[in-house]
Amino acid sequence: MLNHEQRDIYLVIGGNGFLGRHIVQQLRDRGDIVSAFDIVQRYTDVPFYSGDISDQTSVASALRQVCIFNPSFQIL
């Protein structure tokens, strides 16, 4: 069992779609911390952020809320 400090944190964009739902479930089953971002809310057991992927403000707001930091991220 992983302790709290070792779990990864994920924001699944499109978390309510067919693939997104499965990804959310797999991550939760692994013990990771998961949030979903989508237009329509279907989850009650994971943090949910509502918005459209084409709206930069919505995406940026969700990313700030989940406190994601990836030091290896590079913009190409």
PDB file of N, CA and C in Angstrom:
ATOM      1  N   MET A   1       0.845  -1.192   0.000  1.00  0.00           N
ATOM      2  CA  MET A   1       0.000   0.000   0.000  1.00  0.00           C
ATOM      3  C   MET A   1       0.882   1.243   0.000  1.00  0.00           C
ATOM      4  N   LEU A   2       0.577   2.188  -0.850  1.00  0.00           N
ATOM      5  CA  LEU A   2       1.333   3.420  -0.925  1.00  0.00           C
ATOM      6  C   LEU A   2       0.893   4.363   0.182  1.00  0.00           C
ATOM      7  N   ASN A   3       1.855   5.114   0.715  1.00  0.00           N
ATOM      8  CA  ASN A   3       1.438   6.120   1.682  1.00  0.00           C
ATOM      9  C   ASN A   3       1.038   7.381   0.930  1.00  0.00           C
ATOM     10  N   HIS A   4       0.420   8.324   1.621  1.00  0.00           N
ATOM     11  CA  HIS A   4      -0.146   9.514   0.996  1.00  0.00           C
ATOM     12  C   HIS A   4       0.896  10.305   0.213  1.00  0.00           C
ATOM     13  N   GLU A   5       2.115  10.399   0.696  1.00  0.00           N
ATOM     14  CA  GLU A   5       3.135  11.198   0.045  1.00  0.00           C
ATOM     15  C   GLU A   5       3.601  10.584  -1.275  1.00  0.00           C
ATOM     16  N   GLN A   6       3.391   9.294  -1.490  1.00  0.00           N
ATOM     17  CA  GLN A   6       3.896   8.636  -2.683  1.00  0.00           C
ATOM     18  C   GLN A   6       2.864   8.543  -3.799  1.00  0.00           C
ATOM     19  N   ARG A   7       1.640   8.930  -3.549  1.00  0.00           N
ATOM     20  CA  ARG A   7       0.607   8.821  -4.579  1.00  0.00           C
ATOM     21  C   ARG A   7       0.774   9.934  -5.602  1.00  0.00           C
ATOM     22  N   ASP A   8       0.496   9.610  -6.853  1.00  0.00           N
ATOM     23  CA  ASP A   8       0.512  10.607  -7.909  1.00  0.00           C
ATOM     24  C   ASP A   8      -0.834  11.310  -7.953  1.00  0.00           C
ATOM     25  N   ILE A   9      -0.846  12.515  -8.524  1.00  0.00           N
ATOM     26  CA  ILE A   9      -2.059  13.318  -8.640  1.00  0.00           C
ATOM     27  C   ILE A   9      -2.347  13.509 -10.120  1.00  0.00           C
ATOM     28  N   TYR A  10      -3.582  13.210 -10.533  1.00  0.00           N
ATOM     29  CA  TYR A  10      -3.970  13.305 -11.937  1.00  0.00           C
ATOM     30  C   TYR A  10      -5.235  14.118 -12.106  1.00  0.00           C
ATOM     31  N   LEU A  11      -5.280  14.892 -13.180  1.00  0.00           N
ATOM     32  CA  LEU A  11      -6.490  15.543 -13.636  1.00  0.00           C
ATOM     33  C   LEU A  11      -6.792  14.930 -14.996  1.00  0.00           C
ATOM     34  N   VAL A  12      -7.881  14.193 -15.095  1.00  0.00           N
ATOM     35  CA  VAL A  12      -8.235  13.517 -16.341  1.00  0.00           C
ATOM     36  C   VAL A  12      -9.145  14.445 -17.144  1.00  0.00           C
ATOM     37  N   ILE A  13      -8.599  14.980 -18.246  1.00  0.00           N
ATOM     38  CA  ILE A  13      -9.375  15.832 -19.134  1.00  0.00           C
ATOM     39  C   ILE A  13     -10.313  14.921 -19.925  1.00  0.00           C
ATOM     40  N   GLY A  14     -11.590  15.234 -19.923  1.00  0.00           N
ATOM     41  CA  GLY A  14     -12.570  14.360 -20.561  1.00  0.00           C
ATOM     42  C   GLY A  14     -12.860  13.151 -19.689  1.00  0.00           C
ATOM     43  N   GLY A  15     -12.801  13.357 -18.385  1.00  0.00           N
ATOM     44  CA  GLY A  15     -12.955  12.264 -17.426  1.00  0.00           C
ATOM     45  C   GLY A  15     -14.303  11.577 -17.428  1.00  0.00           C
ATOM     46  N   ASN A  16     -15.301  12.150 -18.083  1.00  0.00           N
ATOM     47  CA  ASN A  16     -16.617  11.529 -18.142  1.00  0.00           C
ATOM     48  C   ASN A  16     -16.852  10.741 -19.421  1.00  0.00           C
ATOM     49  N   GLY A  17     -15.937  10.825 -20.358  1.00  0.00           N
ATOM     50  CA  GLY A  17     -16.091  10.094 -21.602  1.00  0.00           C
ATOM     51  C   GLY A  17     -15.808   8.611 -21.415  1.00  0.00           C
ATOM     52  N   PHE A  18     -15.977   7.846 -22.496  1.00  0.00           N
ATOM     53  CA  PHE A  18     -15.799   6.401 -22.420  1.00  0.00           C
ATOM     54  C   PHE A  18     -14.405   6.036 -21.911  1.00  0.00           C
ATOM     55  N   LEU A  19     -13.376   6.573 -22.539  1.00  0.00           N
ATOM     56  CA  LEU A  19     -12.010   6.266 -22.093  1.00  0.00           C
ATOM     57  C   LEU A  19     -11.701   6.927 -20.757  1.00  0.00           C
ATOM     58  N   GLY A  20     -12.130   8.171 -20.597  1.00  0.00           N
ATOM     59  CA  GLY A  20     -11.845   8.910 -19.373  1.00  0.00           C
ATOM     60  C   GLY A  20     -12.354   8.216 -18.127  1.00  0.00           C
ATOM     61  N   ARG A  21     -13.569   7.658 -18.195  1.00  0.00           N
ATOM     62  CA  ARG A  21     -14.132   6.951 -17.033  1.00  0.00           C
ATOM     63  C   ARG A  21     -13.269   5.762 -16.646  1.00  0.00           C
ATOM     64  N   HIS A  22     -12.785   5.044 -17.647  1.00  0.00           N
ATOM     65  CA  HIS A  22     -11.937   3.884 -17.363  1.00  0.00           C
ATOM     66  C   HIS A  22     -10.579   4.304 -16.802  1.00  0.00           C
ATOM     67  N   ILE A  23     -10.045   5.392 -17.325  1.00  0.00           N
ATOM     68  CA  ILE A  23      -8.769   5.895 -16.813  1.00  0.00           C
ATOM     69  C   ILE A  23      -8.923   6.340 -15.366  1.00  0.00           C
ATOM     70  N   VAL A  24      -9.993   7.083 -15.069  1.00  0.00           N
ATOM     71  CA  VAL A  24     -10.251   7.520 -13.686  1.00  0.00           C
ATOM     72  C   VAL A  24     -10.328   6.309 -12.762  1.00  0.00           C
ATOM     73  N   GLN A  25     -11.072   5.293 -13.166  1.00  0.00           N
ATOM     74  CA  GLN A  25     -11.237   4.115 -12.316  1.00  0.00           C
ATOM     75  C   GLN A  25      -9.915   3.382 -12.104  1.00  0.00           C
ATOM     76  N   GLN A  26      -9.130   3.218 -13.157  1.00  0.00           N
ATOM     77  CA  GLN A  26      -7.842   2.534 -13.030  1.00  0.00           C
ATOM     78  C   GLN A  26      -6.898   3.291 -12.098  1.00  0.00           C
ATOM     79  N   LEU A  27      -6.863   4.606 -12.220  1.00  0.00           N
ATOM     80  CA  LEU A  27      -6.004   5.410 -11.350  1.00  0.00           C
ATOM     81  C   LEU A  27      -6.462   5.315  -9.898  1.00  0.00           C
ATOM     82  N   ARG A  28      -7.772   5.368  -9.680  1.00  0.00           N
ATOM     83  CA  ARG A  28      -8.300   5.244  -8.319  1.00  0.00           C
ATOM     84  C   ARG A  28      -7.979   3.872  -7.744  1.00  0.00           C
ATOM     85  N   ASP A  29      -8.114   2.824  -8.566  1.00  0.00           N
ATOM     86  CA  ASP A  29      -7.806   1.473  -8.107  1.00  0.00           C
ATOM     87  C   ASP A  29      -6.340   1.332  -7.708  1.00  0.00           C
ATOM     88  N   ARG A  30      -5.458   2.097  -8.376  1.00  0.00           N
ATOM     89  CA  ARG A  30      -4.028   2.086  -8.034  1.00  0.00           C
ATOM     90  C   ARG A  30      -3.735   2.854  -6.754  1.00  0.00           C
ATOM     91  N   GLY A  31      -4.691   3.679  -6.333  1.00  0.00           N
ATOM     92  CA  GLY A  31      -4.491   4.478  -5.125  1.00  0.00           C
ATOM     93  C   GLY A  31      -4.033   5.894  -5.397  1.00  0.00           C
ATOM     94  N   ASP A  32      -4.073   6.308  -6.673  1.00  0.00           N
ATOM     95  CA  ASP A  32      -3.674   7.672  -7.012  1.00  0.00           C
ATOM     96  C   ASP A  32      -4.800   8.647  -6.689  1.00  0.00           C
ATOM     97  N   ILE A  33      -4.468   9.913  -6.607  1.00  0.00           N
ATOM     98  CA  ILE A  33      -5.441  10.978  -6.373  1.00  0.00           C
ATOM     99  C   ILE A  33      -5.904  11.455  -7.743  1.00  0.00           C
ATOM    100  N   VAL A  34      -7.223  11.444  -7.972  1.00  0.00           N
ATOM    101  CA  VAL A  34      -7.768  11.723  -9.302  1.00  0.00           C
ATOM    102  C   VAL A  34      -8.850  12.789  -9.235  1.00  0.00           C
ATOM    103  N   SER A  35      -8.814  13.698 -10.216  1.00  0.00           N
ATOM    104  CA  SER A  35      -9.877  14.669 -10.445  1.00  0.00           C
ATOM    105  C   SER A  35     -10.305  14.533 -11.896  1.00  0.00           C
ATOM    106  N   ALA A  36     -11.538  14.941 -12.187  1.00  0.00           N
ATOM    107  CA  ALA A  36     -12.052  14.869 -13.554  1.00  0.00           C
ATOM    108  C   ALA A  36     -12.411  16.265 -14.042  1.00  0.00           C
ATOM    109  N   PHE A  37     -12.123  16.512 -15.310  1.00  0.00           N
ATOM    110  CA  PHE A  37     -12.478  17.770 -15.969  1.00  0.00           C
ATOM    111  C   PHE A  37     -13.330  17.415 -17.177  1.00  0.00           C
ATOM    112  N   ASP A  38     -14.521  17.984 -17.269  1.00  0.00           N
ATOM    113  CA  ASP A  38     -15.395  17.703 -18.402  1.00  0.00           C
ATOM    114  C   ASP A  38     -16.513  18.737 -18.415  1.00  0.00           C
ATOM    115  N   ILE A  39     -17.349  18.668 -19.420  1.00  0.00           N
ATOM    116  CA  ILE A  39     -18.469  19.604 -19.533  1.00  0.00           C
ATOM    117  C   ILE A  39     -19.603  19.222 -18.587  1.00  0.00           C
ATOM    118  N   VAL A  40     -19.855  17.919 -18.446  1.00  0.00           N
ATOM    119  CA  VAL A  40     -20.964  17.425 -17.632  1.00  0.00           C
ATOM    120  C   VAL A  40     -20.420  16.618 -16.468  1.00  0.00           C
ATOM    121  N   GLN A  41     -20.958  16.854 -15.276  1.00  0.00           N
ATOM    122  CA  GLN A  41     -20.518  16.120 -14.093  1.00  0.00           C
ATOM    123  C   GLN A  41     -21.271  14.808 -13.958  1.00  0.00           C
ATOM    124  N   ARG A  42     -20.520  13.719 -13.802  1.00  0.00           N
ATOM    125  CA  ARG A  42     -21.142  12.419 -13.559  1.00  0.00           C
ATOM    126  C   ARG A  42     -20.598  11.767 -12.296  1.00  0.00           C
ATOM    127  N   TYR A  43     -19.534  12.309 -11.764  1.00  0.00           N
ATOM    128  CA  TYR A  43     -18.921  11.721 -10.581  1.00  0.00           C
ATOM    129  C   TYR A  43     -19.415  12.414  -9.326  1.00  0.00           C
ATOM    130  N   THR A  44     -19.555  11.639  -8.259  1.00  0.00           N
ATOM    131  CA  THR A  44     -19.809  12.231  -6.956  1.00  0.00           C
ATOM    132  C   THR A  44     -18.686  11.880  -5.997  1.00  0.00           C
ATOM    133  N   ASP A  45     -17.809  10.979  -6.412  1.00  0.00           N
ATOM    134  CA  ASP A  45     -16.758  10.491  -5.508  1.00  0.00           C
ATOM    135  C   ASP A  45     -15.358  10.946  -5.876  1.00  0.00           C
ATOM    136  N   VAL A  46     -15.219  11.815  -6.877  1.00  0.00           N
ATOM    137  CA  VAL A  46     -13.922  12.414  -7.201  1.00  0.00           C
ATOM    138  C   VAL A  46     -14.139  13.902  -7.412  1.00  0.00           C
ATOM    139  N   PRO A  47     -13.143  14.721  -7.109  1.00  0.00           N
ATOM    140  CA  PRO A  47     -13.289  16.154  -7.383  1.00  0.00           C
ATOM    141  C   PRO A  47     -13.556  16.371  -8.879  1.00  0.00           C
ATOM    142  N   PHE A  48     -14.476  17.263  -9.185  1.00  0.00           N
ATOM    143  CA  PHE A  48     -14.871  17.508 -10.564  1.00  0.00           C
ATOM    144  C   PHE A  48     -14.725  18.986 -10.892  1.00  0.00           C
ATOM    145  N   TYR A  49     -14.188  19.263 -12.072  1.00  0.00           N
ATOM    146  CA  TYR A  49     -14.056  20.627 -12.570  1.00  0.00           C
ATOM    147  C   TYR A  49     -14.785  20.721 -13.894  1.00  0.00           C
ATOM    148  N   SER A  50     -15.726  21.643 -13.973  1.00  0.00           N
ATOM    149  CA  SER A  50     -16.558  21.784 -15.155  1.00  0.00           C
ATOM    150  C   SER A  50     -15.947  22.800 -16.111  1.00  0.00           C
ATOM    151  N   GLY A  51     -15.961  22.449 -17.389  1.00  0.00           N
ATOM    152  CA  GLY A  51     -15.474  23.375 -18.391  1.00  0.00           C
ATOM    153  C   GLY A  51     -15.310  22.700 -19.730  1.00  0.00           C
ATOM    154  N   ASP A  52     -14.962  23.516 -20.712  1.00  0.00           N
ATOM    155  CA  ASP A  52     -14.750  23.052 -22.077  1.00  0.00           C
ATOM    156  C   ASP A  52     -13.244  23.080 -22.334  1.00  0.00           C
ATOM    157  N   ILE A  53     -12.722  22.018 -22.912  1.00  0.00           N
ATOM    158  CA  ILE A  53     -11.290  21.921 -23.176  1.00  0.00           C
ATOM    159  C   ILE A  53     -10.796  23.048 -24.081  1.00  0.00           C
ATOM    160  N   SER A  54     -11.690  23.618 -24.903  1.00  0.00           N
ATOM    161  CA  SER A  54     -11.280  24.707 -25.792  1.00  0.00           C
ATOM    162  C   SER A  54     -11.242  26.060 -25.085  1.00  0.00           C
ATOM    163  N   ASP A  55     -11.708  26.110 -23.838  1.00  0.00           N
ATOM    164  CA  ASP A  55     -11.691  27.345 -23.051  1.00  0.00           C
ATOM    165  C   ASP A  55     -10.468  27.342 -22.143  1.00  0.00           C
ATOM    166  N   GLN A  56      -9.460  28.098 -22.536  1.00  0.00           N
ATOM    167  CA  GLN A  56      -8.198  28.111 -21.796  1.00  0.00           C
ATOM    168  C   GLN A  56      -8.375  28.528 -20.344  1.00  0.00           C
ATOM    169  N   THR A  57      -9.300  29.419 -20.072  1.00  0.00           N
ATOM    170  CA  THR A  57      -9.521  29.876 -18.703  1.00  0.00           C
ATOM    171  C   THR A  57     -10.033  28.743 -17.827  1.00  0.00           C
ATOM    172  N   SER A  58     -10.970  27.937 -18.345  1.00  0.00           N
ATOM    173  CA  SER A  58     -11.501  26.800 -17.586  1.00  0.00           C
ATOM    174  C   SER A  58     -10.421  25.781 -17.287  1.00  0.00           C
ATOM    175  N   VAL A  59      -9.615  25.475 -18.287  1.00  0.00           N
ATOM    176  CA  VAL A  59      -8.542  24.490 -18.107  1.00  0.00           C
ATOM    177  C   VAL A  59      -7.516  25.012 -17.105  1.00  0.00           C
ATOM    178  N   ALA A  60      -7.106  26.255 -17.251  1.00  0.00           N
ATOM    179  CA  ALA A  60      -6.122  26.833 -16.337  1.00  0.00           C
ATOM    180  C   ALA A  60      -6.642  26.854 -14.910  1.00  0.00           C
ATOM    181  N   SER A  61      -7.912  27.178 -14.735  1.00  0.00           N
ATOM    182  CA  SER A  61      -8.503  27.204 -13.404  1.00  0.00           C
ATOM    183  C   SER A  61      -8.476  25.817 -12.765  1.00  0.00           C
ATOM    184  N   ALA A  62      -8.833  24.802 -13.528  1.00  0.00           N
ATOM    185  CA  ALA A  62      -8.818  23.425 -13.003  1.00  0.00           C
ATOM    186  C   ALA A  62      -7.404  23.002 -12.642  1.00  0.00           C
ATOM    187  N   LEU A  63      -6.444  23.330 -13.472  1.00  0.00           N
ATOM    188  CA  LEU A  63      -5.054  22.955 -13.193  1.00  0.00           C
ATOM    189  C   LEU A  63      -4.543  23.634 -11.928  1.00  0.00           C
ATOM    190  N   ARG A  64      -4.937  24.884 -11.711  1.00  0.00           N
ATOM    191  CA  ARG A  64      -4.520  25.575 -10.480  1.00  0.00           C
ATOM    192  C   ARG A  64      -5.134  24.913  -9.250  1.00  0.00           C
ATOM    193  N   GLN A  65      -6.371  24.440  -9.369  1.00  0.00           N
ATOM    194  CA  GLN A  65      -7.066  23.835  -8.236  1.00  0.00           C
ATOM    195  C   GLN A  65      -6.440  22.517  -7.797  1.00  0.00           C
ATOM    196  N   VAL A  66      -5.886  21.758  -8.739  1.00  0.00           N
ATOM    197  CA  VAL A  66      -5.341  20.459  -8.372  1.00  0.00           C
ATOM    198  C   VAL A  66      -3.857  20.524  -8.037  1.00  0.00           C
ATOM    199  N   CYS A  67      -3.252  21.696  -8.156  1.00  0.00           N
ATOM    200  CA  CYS A  67      -1.854  21.905  -7.756  1.00  0.00           C
ATOM    201  C   CYS A  67      -0.901  20.919  -8.440  1.00  0.00           C
ATOM    202  N   ILE A  68      -0.974  20.847  -9.753  1.00  0.00           N
ATOM    203  CA  ILE A  68      -0.088  19.953 -10.497  1.00  0.00           C
ATOM    204  C   ILE A  68       1.233  20.658 -10.755  1.00  0.00           C
ATOM    205  N   PHE A  69       2.304  19.952 -10.496  1.00  0.00           N
ATOM    206  CA  PHE A  69       3.634  20.462 -10.799  1.00  0.00           C
ATOM    207  C   PHE A  69       4.425  19.332 -11.407  1.00  0.00           C
ATOM    208  N   ASN A  70       4.936  19.560 -12.594  1.00  0.00           N
ATOM    209  CA  ASN A  70       5.741  18.550 -13.267  1.00  0.00           C
ATOM    210  C   ASN A  70       7.026  19.223 -13.746  1.00  0.00           C
ATOM    211  N   PRO A  71       8.140  18.999 -13.047  1.00  0.00           N
ATOM    212  CA  PRO A  71       9.379  19.679 -13.398  1.00  0.00           C
ATOM    213  C   PRO A  71       9.939  19.259 -14.752  1.00  0.00           C
ATOM    214  N   SER A  72       9.490  18.140 -15.300  1.00  0.00           N
ATOM    215  CA  SER A  72      10.021  17.700 -16.588  1.00  0.00           C
ATOM    216  C   SER A  72       9.162  18.151 -17.763  1.00  0.00           C
ATOM    217  N   PHE A  73       8.078  18.878 -17.510  1.00  0.00           N
ATOM    218  CA  PHE A  73       7.189  19.327 -18.574  1.00  0.00           C
ATOM    219  C   PHE A  73       7.898  20.332 -19.467  1.00  0.00           C
ATOM    220  N   GLN A  74       7.791  20.120 -20.762  1.00  0.00           N
ATOM    221  CA  GLN A  74       8.404  21.033 -21.725  1.00  0.00           C
ATOM    222  C   GLN A  74       7.379  21.392 -22.786  1.00  0.00           C
ATOM    223  N   ILE A  75       7.319  22.654 -23.137  1.00  0.00           N
ATOM    224  CA  ILE A  75       6.443  23.079 -24.221  1.00  0.00           C
ATOM    225  C   ILE A  75       7.252  23.014 -25.507  1.00  0.00           C
ATOM    226  N   LEU A  76       6.732  22.263 -26.463  1.00  0.00           N
ATOM    227  CA  LEU A  76       7.441  22.096 -27.742  1.00  0.00           C
ATOM    228  C   LEU A  76       7.015  23.140 -28.737  1.00  0.00           C
TER     229      LEU A  76
END
